[in-house]
Protein backbone atom coordinates (compact mmCIF):
# COMPACT_ATOMS: atom_id res chain seq x y z
CA MET A 1 133.87 92.15 180.97
CA ALA A 2 133.68 94.82 183.67
CA ALA A 3 131.44 97.79 182.99
CA LYS A 4 133.34 101.08 182.90
CA ALA A 5 131.88 104.36 184.06
CA PRO A 6 130.66 106.34 181.05
CA ALA A 7 133.27 108.77 179.69
CA PHE A 8 130.64 111.39 178.82
CA ASP A 9 127.69 112.73 180.78
CA VAL A 10 124.28 113.69 179.45
CA GLY A 11 124.49 117.29 178.26
CA ASP A 12 128.21 117.13 177.37
CA TYR A 13 129.35 118.38 173.99
CA VAL A 14 131.47 115.80 172.19
CA VAL A 15 133.30 115.63 168.88
CA TYR A 16 132.47 112.72 166.61
CA PRO A 17 135.23 112.80 163.95
CA LYS A 18 133.05 112.35 160.87
CA HIS A 19 130.22 114.65 161.98
CA GLY A 20 131.75 117.30 164.24
CA VAL A 21 130.26 118.64 167.45
CA GLY A 22 127.24 116.91 168.92
CA ARG A 23 125.62 116.77 172.32
CA VAL A 24 125.03 113.70 174.49
CA MET A 25 121.23 113.62 174.91
CA GLU A 26 120.94 110.40 176.90
CA LEU A 27 122.52 107.12 177.84
CA GLN A 28 120.40 104.15 176.74
CA ASN A 29 120.50 100.43 177.37
CA GLU A 30 119.16 98.39 174.48
CA GLU A 31 119.09 94.77 173.48
CA ILE A 32 120.35 94.37 169.94
CA ALA A 33 120.74 90.91 168.37
CA GLY A 34 120.45 89.32 171.80
CA MET A 35 123.17 91.47 173.35
CA GLN A 36 122.75 94.19 175.97
CA LEU A 37 124.36 97.38 174.71
CA GLU A 38 124.90 100.70 176.45
CA LEU A 39 124.55 103.53 173.93
CA TYR A 40 125.24 107.25 173.87
CA VAL A 41 122.49 109.09 172.04
CA LEU A 42 124.13 112.05 170.28
CA ARG A 43 122.28 114.93 168.67
CA PHE A 44 123.85 116.98 165.86
CA GLU A 45 121.67 120.07 165.54
CA LYS A 46 123.14 121.41 162.29
CA GLU A 47 122.50 118.16 160.43
CA ARG A 48 119.27 117.45 162.37
CA MET A 49 120.71 114.02 163.03
CA THR A 50 120.63 111.66 165.98
CA LEU A 51 123.31 109.02 166.33
CA ARG A 52 123.52 106.08 168.73
CA VAL A 53 127.06 105.10 169.61
CA PRO A 54 127.85 101.98 171.67
CA THR A 55 129.90 103.07 174.69
CA ASN A 56 132.44 100.32 173.98
CA LYS A 57 133.12 101.76 170.48
CA VAL A 58 133.84 105.33 171.59
CA GLU A 59 137.62 104.91 171.57
CA SER A 60 137.88 103.05 168.26
CA ILE A 61 135.67 105.66 166.56
CA GLY A 62 137.76 108.49 168.00
CA MET A 63 134.89 110.25 169.76
CA ARG A 64 136.28 112.81 172.21
CA LYS A 65 135.47 115.68 174.52
CA LEU A 66 135.84 119.23 173.19
CA SER A 67 139.44 120.29 172.64
CA SER A 68 141.50 121.79 175.42
CA ASP A 69 142.12 125.53 175.55
CA LYS A 70 145.72 124.81 174.56
CA THR A 71 144.60 122.94 171.42
CA LEU A 72 142.13 125.73 170.58
CA LYS A 73 144.91 128.32 170.92
CA GLU A 74 147.15 126.20 168.67
CA ALA A 75 144.37 125.96 166.06
CA MET A 76 143.85 129.74 166.13
CA GLU A 77 147.62 130.26 165.70
CA THR A 78 147.54 127.82 162.77
CA LEU A 79 145.02 130.11 161.04
CA LYS A 80 147.58 132.94 161.18
CA GLY A 81 150.28 130.91 159.42
CA LYS A 82 151.29 130.85 155.79
CA PRO A 83 148.92 128.78 153.63
CA LYS A 84 150.56 125.63 152.31
CA VAL A 85 149.64 125.20 148.69
CA LYS A 86 150.70 121.87 147.27
CA ARG A 87 151.14 121.53 143.54
CA THR A 88 149.59 118.07 143.39
CA MET A 89 146.43 117.21 141.50
CA TRP A 90 143.27 118.66 143.00
CA SER A 91 141.65 115.24 143.46
CA ARG A 92 144.55 114.08 145.64
CA ARG A 93 144.59 117.35 147.65
CA ALA A 94 140.81 117.14 148.08
CA GLN A 95 141.16 113.63 149.52
CA GLU A 96 143.85 114.84 151.94
CA TYR A 97 141.68 117.79 153.01
CA GLU A 98 138.66 115.52 153.56
CA ALA A 99 140.78 113.12 155.62
CA LYS A 100 142.00 116.00 157.80
CA ILE A 101 138.44 117.24 158.33
CA ASN A 102 137.16 113.75 159.16
CA SER A 103 140.04 113.16 161.58
CA GLY A 104 138.21 115.49 163.96
CA GLU A 105 141.53 117.03 165.03
CA LEU A 106 141.05 120.75 165.55
CA VAL A 107 144.52 121.80 164.36
CA SER A 108 144.22 119.71 161.17
CA ILE A 109 140.82 121.28 160.45
CA ALA A 110 142.36 124.74 161.02
CA GLU A 111 145.11 123.87 158.49
CA VAL A 112 142.50 123.04 155.83
CA THR A 113 140.58 126.24 156.64
CA ARG A 114 143.77 128.32 156.36
CA ASP A 115 145.00 126.62 153.17
CA LEU A 116 141.69 127.02 151.31
CA PHE A 117 140.84 130.57 152.47
CA ARG A 118 140.81 133.16 149.69
CA PRO A 119 140.76 136.91 150.44
CA ASP A 120 138.17 138.88 148.47
CA ASP A 121 140.80 140.34 146.13
CA GLN A 122 142.12 136.90 145.12
CA PRO A 123 140.97 134.73 142.19
CA GLU A 124 137.70 132.87 142.69
CA GLN A 125 137.82 129.36 144.14
CA SER A 126 136.43 126.37 142.32
CA TYR A 127 133.12 124.98 143.54
CA SER A 128 134.76 121.94 145.18
CA GLU A 129 137.41 124.10 146.91
CA ARG A 130 134.64 126.31 148.31
CA GLN A 131 132.69 123.25 149.48
CA ILE A 132 135.68 121.83 151.37
CA PHE A 133 136.56 125.26 152.80
CA GLU A 134 132.99 125.67 154.06
CA ALA A 135 132.98 122.17 155.58
CA ALA A 136 136.27 122.80 157.40
CA SER A 137 135.45 126.33 158.59
CA SER A 138 131.99 125.22 159.75
CA ARG A 139 133.44 122.27 161.68
CA LEU A 140 136.04 124.57 163.29
CA ALA A 141 133.39 127.19 164.08
CA ARG A 142 131.07 124.64 165.74
CA GLU A 143 133.77 123.46 168.13
CA LEU A 144 134.89 127.05 168.83
CA ALA A 145 131.24 128.04 169.47
CA ALA A 146 130.71 125.13 171.88
CA MET A 147 133.91 125.96 173.74
CA GLU A 148 133.23 129.71 173.97
CA LYS A 149 129.50 129.19 174.63
CA THR A 150 128.45 131.26 171.64
CA ASP A 151 126.79 130.42 168.31
CA GLU A 152 128.30 129.13 165.08
CA PRO A 153 127.90 132.36 163.01
CA THR A 154 129.71 134.39 165.71
CA ALA A 155 132.51 131.80 165.91
CA LEU A 156 132.79 131.66 162.10
CA GLU A 157 133.10 135.45 161.93
CA LYS A 158 135.93 135.31 164.49
CA ILE A 159 137.75 132.72 162.34
CA LEU A 160 137.24 134.75 159.14
CA GLU A 161 138.52 137.92 160.87
CA ILE A 162 141.74 136.13 161.81
CA LEU A 163 142.12 134.85 158.24
CA ARG A 164 141.37 138.26 156.67
CA GLU A 165 143.86 139.93 158.99
CA HIS A 166 146.74 137.52 158.37
CA ALA A 167 146.20 136.20 154.83
CA PRO A 168 146.92 139.42 152.84
CA GLN A 169 150.62 139.45 153.82
CA TYR A 170 151.04 136.04 152.18
CA TYR A 171 149.28 136.99 148.97
CA GLU A 172 150.98 140.38 148.50
CA ASN A 173 154.51 138.92 148.66
CA ASP A 174 153.85 135.73 146.74
CA ASP A 175 157.22 135.99 144.96
CA ASP A 176 159.52 136.28 147.97
CA ASP A 177 159.22 133.66 150.65
CA LYS A 178 159.03 135.82 153.76
CA ALA A 179 157.28 133.96 156.54
């Protein structure tokens, strides 16, 4: 098996689908169960977590570099769209939302953020809806912050501004389907 050049460098921000944005702290070589393994050491500041990922598992896990500017633009446009509210049971929708968040795909995470956003003048969300909304918006904000070299609260405020600006038109005209 030929050794490939590492896909990520120390200091790079990467997206690990189930945990969001982390930073490559170092590249380690370790012997585990008699095998030499090359590992990325990732640090997730928000969770205060360190993760070691074998370099040969990066693809199967879905670990990737930060999104492209084009993907970021698409995600921001997604936030401006009409929320899609499915009339299925909450438990099924919650599973779908969690799967989208854990996919690590920026546009899918933006869809969840848009669909679960509630303007201040709308009925209160349930606790579990709020939890999923916060998970999605936080994940989106962390990648936006890393890409724009800012912090998560600033990025989150930018996302919420877009939602506040575009959501009211969809809630005012709930009866007629103008999109």
